[in-house]
C-alpha cells in the first residue's frame, strides 16, 4: 500500500506554478529536493562562464521538526549559510510554508 505524501504533492504543484516557460528552461529553471523531512527549492542555471556546467542555486529550505510537529523555513545568506526565516516562522501546515515563500515579503528567497 502506497502512502500519499501531501507535502510532496504541494511542493510539486508549487514548483510547476513557478517554472519558467519550456523554451527557456535550459537557461533557467526551478526544482526541488525532498527527503529526510527537508524540502529545498533551487534554481537551475548554467555556470556564468561555462554553459556546459549546470549549477543549482538554493532559494529556500523548509525542515519538518517531528518532535514539535512544525515546519521551519530558512533562507540562504551571502555566506551560503541557512538562516531561519524571521520572525522565527514555525507552522504546522506545509501550505503556510509555501505562502511565505511565495510572498517573500523580506526579499529573502527570490531577491
N, C-alpha and C. Protein backbone atom coordinates (compact mmCIF):
# COMPACT_ATOMS: atom_id res chain seq x y z
N UNK A 1 0.82 -1.17 0.00
CA UNK A 1 0.00 0.00 0.00
C UNK A 1 0.88 1.25 0.00
N UNK A 2 0.65 2.14 -0.93
CA UNK A 2 1.44 3.37 -1.04
C UNK A 2 0.82 4.46 -0.18
N UNK A 3 1.68 5.16 0.57
CA UNK A 3 1.24 6.26 1.41
C UNK A 3 1.29 7.55 0.59
N UNK A 4 0.22 8.33 0.64
CA UNK A 4 0.18 9.60 -0.08
C UNK A 4 0.91 10.64 0.76
N UNK A 5 1.88 11.29 0.16
CA UNK A 5 2.65 12.32 0.85
C UNK A 5 2.14 13.69 0.39
N UNK A 6 1.30 14.32 1.21
CA UNK A 6 0.70 15.58 0.83
C UNK A 6 1.72 16.71 0.72
N UNK A 7 2.78 16.64 1.50
CA UNK A 7 3.82 17.65 1.39
C UNK A 7 4.44 17.63 0.01
N UNK A 8 4.76 16.44 -0.48
CA UNK A 8 5.38 16.36 -1.80
C UNK A 8 4.40 16.77 -2.89
N UNK A 9 3.15 16.45 -2.74
CA UNK A 9 2.14 16.89 -3.72
C UNK A 9 2.09 18.41 -3.76
N UNK A 10 2.09 19.05 -2.60
CA UNK A 10 2.03 20.51 -2.54
C UNK A 10 3.27 21.16 -3.14
N UNK A 11 4.45 20.62 -2.84
CA UNK A 11 5.67 21.23 -3.37
C UNK A 11 5.75 21.04 -4.87
N UNK A 12 5.33 19.87 -5.38
CA UNK A 12 5.32 19.66 -6.83
C UNK A 12 4.41 20.65 -7.52
N UNK A 13 3.22 20.88 -6.96
CA UNK A 13 2.27 21.83 -7.55
C UNK A 13 2.86 23.24 -7.56
N UNK A 14 3.48 23.64 -6.46
CA UNK A 14 4.08 24.97 -6.38
C UNK A 14 5.19 25.13 -7.41
N UNK A 15 6.06 24.15 -7.50
CA UNK A 15 7.18 24.23 -8.46
C UNK A 15 6.64 24.33 -9.88
N UNK A 16 5.63 23.55 -10.22
CA UNK A 16 5.06 23.63 -11.57
C UNK A 16 4.46 25.01 -11.85
N UNK A 17 3.90 25.65 -10.83
CA UNK A 17 3.35 27.00 -10.98
C UNK A 17 4.42 28.03 -11.32
N UNK A 18 5.59 27.88 -10.73
CA UNK A 18 6.62 28.92 -10.86
C UNK A 18 7.68 28.63 -11.91
N UNK A 19 7.68 27.44 -12.48
CA UNK A 19 8.69 27.13 -13.50
C UNK A 19 8.53 28.06 -14.70
N UNK A 20 9.64 28.45 -15.29
CA UNK A 20 9.57 29.31 -16.47
C UNK A 20 9.05 28.53 -17.68
N UNK A 21 8.72 29.22 -18.76
CA UNK A 21 8.25 28.54 -19.97
C UNK A 21 9.30 27.53 -20.46
N UNK A 22 8.82 26.47 -21.10
CA UNK A 22 9.71 25.40 -21.57
C UNK A 22 10.84 25.91 -22.46
N UNK A 23 10.57 26.96 -23.23
CA UNK A 23 11.56 27.47 -24.18
C UNK A 23 12.83 27.99 -23.49
N UNK A 24 12.73 28.42 -22.26
CA UNK A 24 13.92 28.99 -21.60
C UNK A 24 14.46 28.14 -20.46
N UNK A 25 13.93 26.97 -20.28
CA UNK A 25 14.36 26.14 -19.14
C UNK A 25 15.81 25.68 -19.23
N UNK A 26 16.42 25.75 -20.40
CA UNK A 26 17.85 25.44 -20.49
C UNK A 26 18.68 26.59 -19.93
N UNK A 27 18.08 27.77 -19.90
CA UNK A 27 18.77 28.95 -19.36
C UNK A 27 18.51 29.13 -17.87
N UNK A 28 17.28 28.85 -17.44
CA UNK A 28 16.93 28.94 -16.02
C UNK A 28 15.71 28.07 -15.76
N UNK A 29 15.75 27.36 -14.67
CA UNK A 29 14.63 26.51 -14.29
C UNK A 29 14.57 26.48 -12.76
N UNK A 30 13.52 25.90 -12.24
CA UNK A 30 13.33 25.79 -10.80
C UNK A 30 12.96 24.34 -10.49
N UNK A 31 13.52 23.82 -9.40
CA UNK A 31 13.19 22.46 -8.99
C UNK A 31 13.27 22.37 -7.47
N UNK A 32 13.20 21.15 -6.97
CA UNK A 32 13.24 20.94 -5.52
C UNK A 32 13.83 19.58 -5.23
N UNK A 33 14.23 19.41 -3.99
CA UNK A 33 14.59 18.09 -3.46
C UNK A 33 13.79 17.91 -2.18
N UNK A 34 13.49 16.65 -1.88
CA UNK A 34 12.70 16.36 -0.68
C UNK A 34 13.14 15.02 -0.12
N UNK A 35 13.58 15.06 1.12
CA UNK A 35 14.00 13.84 1.80
C UNK A 35 14.38 14.13 3.22
N UNK A 36 14.23 13.15 4.08
CA UNK A 36 14.58 13.30 5.50
C UNK A 36 13.93 14.53 6.14
N UNK A 37 12.66 14.76 5.79
CA UNK A 37 11.88 15.87 6.35
C UNK A 37 12.42 17.25 6.00
N UNK A 38 13.15 17.34 4.88
CA UNK A 38 13.68 18.62 4.42
C UNK A 38 13.28 18.82 2.96
N UNK A 39 12.70 20.00 2.68
CA UNK A 39 12.38 20.40 1.31
C UNK A 39 13.32 21.54 0.95
N UNK A 40 13.96 21.44 -0.20
CA UNK A 40 14.82 22.52 -0.65
C UNK A 40 14.41 22.91 -2.07
N UNK A 41 14.19 24.20 -2.26
CA UNK A 41 13.85 24.75 -3.58
C UNK A 41 15.11 25.41 -4.12
N UNK A 42 15.37 25.20 -5.42
CA UNK A 42 16.57 25.79 -6.01
C UNK A 42 16.35 26.15 -7.47
N UNK A 43 17.13 27.12 -7.93
CA UNK A 43 17.17 27.48 -9.34
C UNK A 43 18.24 26.63 -10.01
N UNK A 44 18.03 26.33 -11.27
CA UNK A 44 18.98 25.56 -12.06
C UNK A 44 19.40 26.46 -13.22
N UNK A 45 20.71 26.72 -13.31
CA UNK A 45 21.23 27.58 -14.38
C UNK A 45 22.61 27.10 -14.80
N UNK A 46 22.97 27.39 -16.05
CA UNK A 46 24.35 27.10 -16.46
C UNK A 46 25.32 28.04 -15.73
N UNK A 47 26.51 27.57 -15.50
CA UNK A 47 27.54 28.40 -14.89
C UNK A 47 27.79 29.61 -15.77
N UNK A 48 28.00 30.76 -15.19
CA UNK A 48 28.10 32.01 -15.94
C UNK A 48 29.23 32.00 -16.98
N UNK A 49 30.33 31.29 -16.68
CA UNK A 49 31.47 31.30 -17.60
C UNK A 49 31.67 29.98 -18.36
N UNK A 50 30.77 29.03 -18.13
CA UNK A 50 30.85 27.75 -18.84
C UNK A 50 29.45 27.13 -18.87
N UNK A 51 28.73 27.38 -19.95
CA UNK A 51 27.33 26.94 -20.01
C UNK A 51 27.16 25.43 -20.11
N UNK A 52 28.26 24.69 -20.18
CA UNK A 52 28.17 23.23 -20.16
C UNK A 52 28.04 22.69 -18.73
N UNK A 53 28.39 23.54 -17.77
CA UNK A 53 28.31 23.16 -16.36
C UNK A 53 27.00 23.72 -15.79
N UNK A 54 26.18 22.83 -15.27
CA UNK A 54 24.88 23.23 -14.72
C UNK A 54 25.00 23.32 -13.19
N UNK A 55 24.51 24.42 -12.64
CA UNK A 55 24.59 24.63 -11.20
C UNK A 55 23.21 24.80 -10.58
N UNK A 56 23.10 24.42 -9.32
CA UNK A 56 21.88 24.64 -8.54
C UNK A 56 22.15 25.75 -7.54
N UNK A 57 21.21 26.71 -7.49
CA UNK A 57 21.33 27.84 -6.58
C UNK A 57 20.18 27.78 -5.58
N UNK A 58 20.48 27.53 -4.30
CA UNK A 58 19.42 27.41 -3.30
C UNK A 58 18.58 28.67 -3.17
N UNK A 59 17.28 28.46 -3.01
CA UNK A 59 16.33 29.56 -2.84
C UNK A 59 15.73 29.53 -1.45
N UNK A 60 15.22 28.37 -1.05
CA UNK A 60 14.55 28.25 0.25
C UNK A 60 14.67 26.81 0.75
N UNK A 61 14.58 26.69 2.05
CA UNK A 61 14.60 25.36 2.68
C UNK A 61 13.53 25.34 3.76
N UNK A 62 12.84 24.22 3.85
CA UNK A 62 11.86 24.01 4.93
C UNK A 62 12.20 22.69 5.59
N UNK A 63 12.20 22.70 6.89
CA UNK A 63 12.55 21.49 7.65
C UNK A 63 11.42 21.18 8.62
N UNK A 64 10.99 19.92 8.59
CA UNK A 64 9.94 19.48 9.49
C UNK A 64 10.57 18.98 10.78
N UNK A 65 10.14 19.54 11.90
CA UNK A 65 10.63 19.12 13.22
C UNK A 65 9.56 18.21 13.81
N UNK A 66 9.79 16.93 13.72
CA UNK A 66 8.79 15.94 14.10
C UNK A 66 8.40 16.05 15.58
N UNK A 67 9.36 16.29 16.44
CA UNK A 67 9.09 16.34 17.88
C UNK A 67 8.14 17.48 18.25
N UNK A 68 8.09 18.53 17.43
CA UNK A 68 7.21 19.67 17.70
C UNK A 68 6.05 19.76 16.73
N UNK A 69 6.06 18.88 15.71
CA UNK A 69 5.03 18.89 14.67
C UNK A 69 4.92 20.24 13.97
N UNK A 70 6.09 20.79 13.60
CA UNK A 70 6.13 22.10 12.93
C UNK A 70 7.11 22.08 11.77
N UNK A 71 6.91 23.02 10.87
CA UNK A 71 7.85 23.31 9.79
C UNK A 71 8.57 24.60 10.13
N UNK A 72 9.86 24.63 9.85
CA UNK A 72 10.66 25.85 9.96
C UNK A 72 11.17 26.19 8.56
N UNK A 73 11.26 27.47 8.29
CA UNK A 73 11.67 27.94 6.97
C UNK A 73 13.02 28.65 7.10
N UNK A 74 13.88 28.43 6.09
CA UNK A 74 15.21 29.01 6.08
C UNK A 74 15.50 29.66 4.73
N UNK A 75 16.36 30.68 4.76
CA UNK A 75 16.86 31.32 3.55
C UNK A 75 18.38 31.31 3.61
N UNK A 76 19.03 31.41 2.46
CA UNK A 76 20.48 31.36 2.43
C UNK A 76 21.06 32.76 2.34
N UNK A 77 22.00 33.06 3.24
CA UNK A 77 22.62 34.38 3.24
C UNK A 77 23.80 34.42 2.26
N UNK A 78 24.46 35.56 2.16
CA UNK A 78 25.55 35.73 1.20
C UNK A 78 26.77 34.88 1.55
N UNK A 79 26.84 34.36 2.77
CA UNK A 79 27.93 33.47 3.16
C UNK A 79 27.57 32.01 2.95
N UNK A 80 26.48 31.78 2.23
CA UNK A 80 25.98 30.44 1.92
C UNK A 80 25.66 29.64 3.17
N UNK A 81 25.07 30.31 4.17
CA UNK A 81 24.61 29.66 5.39
C UNK A 81 23.10 29.79 5.46
N UNK A 82 22.43 28.72 5.87
CA UNK A 82 20.98 28.75 6.03
C UNK A 82 20.63 29.47 7.32
N UNK A 83 19.75 30.47 7.20
CA UNK A 83 19.30 31.29 8.32
C UNK A 83 17.80 31.08 8.49
N UNK A 84 17.37 30.87 9.73
CA UNK A 84 15.93 30.70 9.94
C UNK A 84 15.21 31.98 9.59
N UNK A 85 14.12 31.82 8.84
CA UNK A 85 13.30 32.95 8.42
C UNK A 85 12.77 33.69 9.63
N UNK A 86 12.82 35.00 9.57
CA UNK A 86 12.34 35.82 10.68
C UNK A 86 10.93 36.28 10.38
N UNK A 87 10.08 36.45 11.32
CA UNK A 87 10.30 36.26 12.75
C UNK A 87 10.10 34.80 13.17
N UNK A 88 11.17 34.06 13.15
CA UNK A 88 11.18 32.65 13.57
C UNK A 88 9.92 31.90 13.18
N UNK A 89 9.69 31.88 11.91
CA UNK A 89 8.49 31.26 11.35
C UNK A 89 8.44 29.77 11.68
N UNK A 90 7.35 29.35 12.30
CA UNK A 90 7.08 27.94 12.57
C UNK A 90 5.62 27.69 12.27
N UNK A 91 5.33 26.63 11.53
CA UNK A 91 3.95 26.38 11.11
C UNK A 91 3.71 24.88 11.06
N UNK A 92 2.48 24.48 11.38
CA UNK A 92 2.13 23.06 11.33
C UNK A 92 1.79 22.61 9.92
N UNK A 93 1.31 23.51 9.08
CA UNK A 93 0.84 23.13 7.75
C UNK A 93 1.82 23.59 6.67
N UNK A 94 2.20 22.67 5.82
CA UNK A 94 3.16 22.99 4.77
C UNK A 94 2.63 24.04 3.80
N UNK A 95 1.33 24.11 3.63
CA UNK A 95 0.75 25.12 2.74
C UNK A 95 1.13 26.53 3.19
N UNK A 96 1.28 26.75 4.48
CA UNK A 96 1.70 28.06 5.00
C UNK A 96 3.16 28.34 4.66
N UNK A 97 3.96 27.30 4.62
CA UNK A 97 5.36 27.44 4.21
C UNK A 97 5.41 27.97 2.77
N UNK A 98 4.64 27.37 1.91
CA UNK A 98 4.61 27.80 0.51
C UNK A 98 4.13 29.25 0.40
N UNK A 99 3.13 29.62 1.18
CA UNK A 99 2.64 31.00 1.16
C UNK A 99 3.75 31.99 1.52
N UNK A 100 4.53 31.68 2.54
CA UNK A 100 5.62 32.56 2.97
C UNK A 100 6.66 32.70 1.86
N UNK A 101 7.00 31.59 1.23
CA UNK A 101 8.00 31.62 0.15
C UNK A 101 7.44 32.39 -1.05
N UNK A 102 6.18 32.20 -1.37
CA UNK A 102 5.55 32.92 -2.48
C UNK A 102 5.57 34.43 -2.25
N UNK A 103 5.15 34.85 -1.06
CA UNK A 103 5.07 36.28 -0.74
C UNK A 103 6.45 36.91 -0.67
N UNK A 104 7.39 36.21 -0.08
CA UNK A 104 8.77 36.69 0.06
C UNK A 104 8.81 38.15 0.47
N UNK A 105 8.09 38.48 1.52
CA UNK A 105 7.94 39.87 1.97
C UNK A 105 9.25 40.58 2.28
N UNK A 106 10.27 39.84 2.66
CA UNK A 106 11.54 40.46 3.04
C UNK A 106 12.63 40.26 1.98
N UNK A 107 12.26 39.71 0.82
CA UNK A 107 13.23 39.51 -0.26
C UNK A 107 14.31 38.51 0.09
N UNK A 108 14.00 37.56 0.93
CA UNK A 108 14.98 36.56 1.36
C UNK A 108 15.16 35.43 0.35
N UNK A 109 14.10 35.08 -0.35
CA UNK A 109 14.14 33.89 -1.19
C UNK A 109 14.43 34.22 -2.66
N UNK A 110 13.62 35.05 -3.24
CA UNK A 110 13.74 35.34 -4.67
C UNK A 110 14.42 36.66 -4.94
N UNK A 111 14.85 37.34 -3.89
CA UNK A 111 15.61 38.58 -4.05
C UNK A 111 14.77 39.74 -4.18
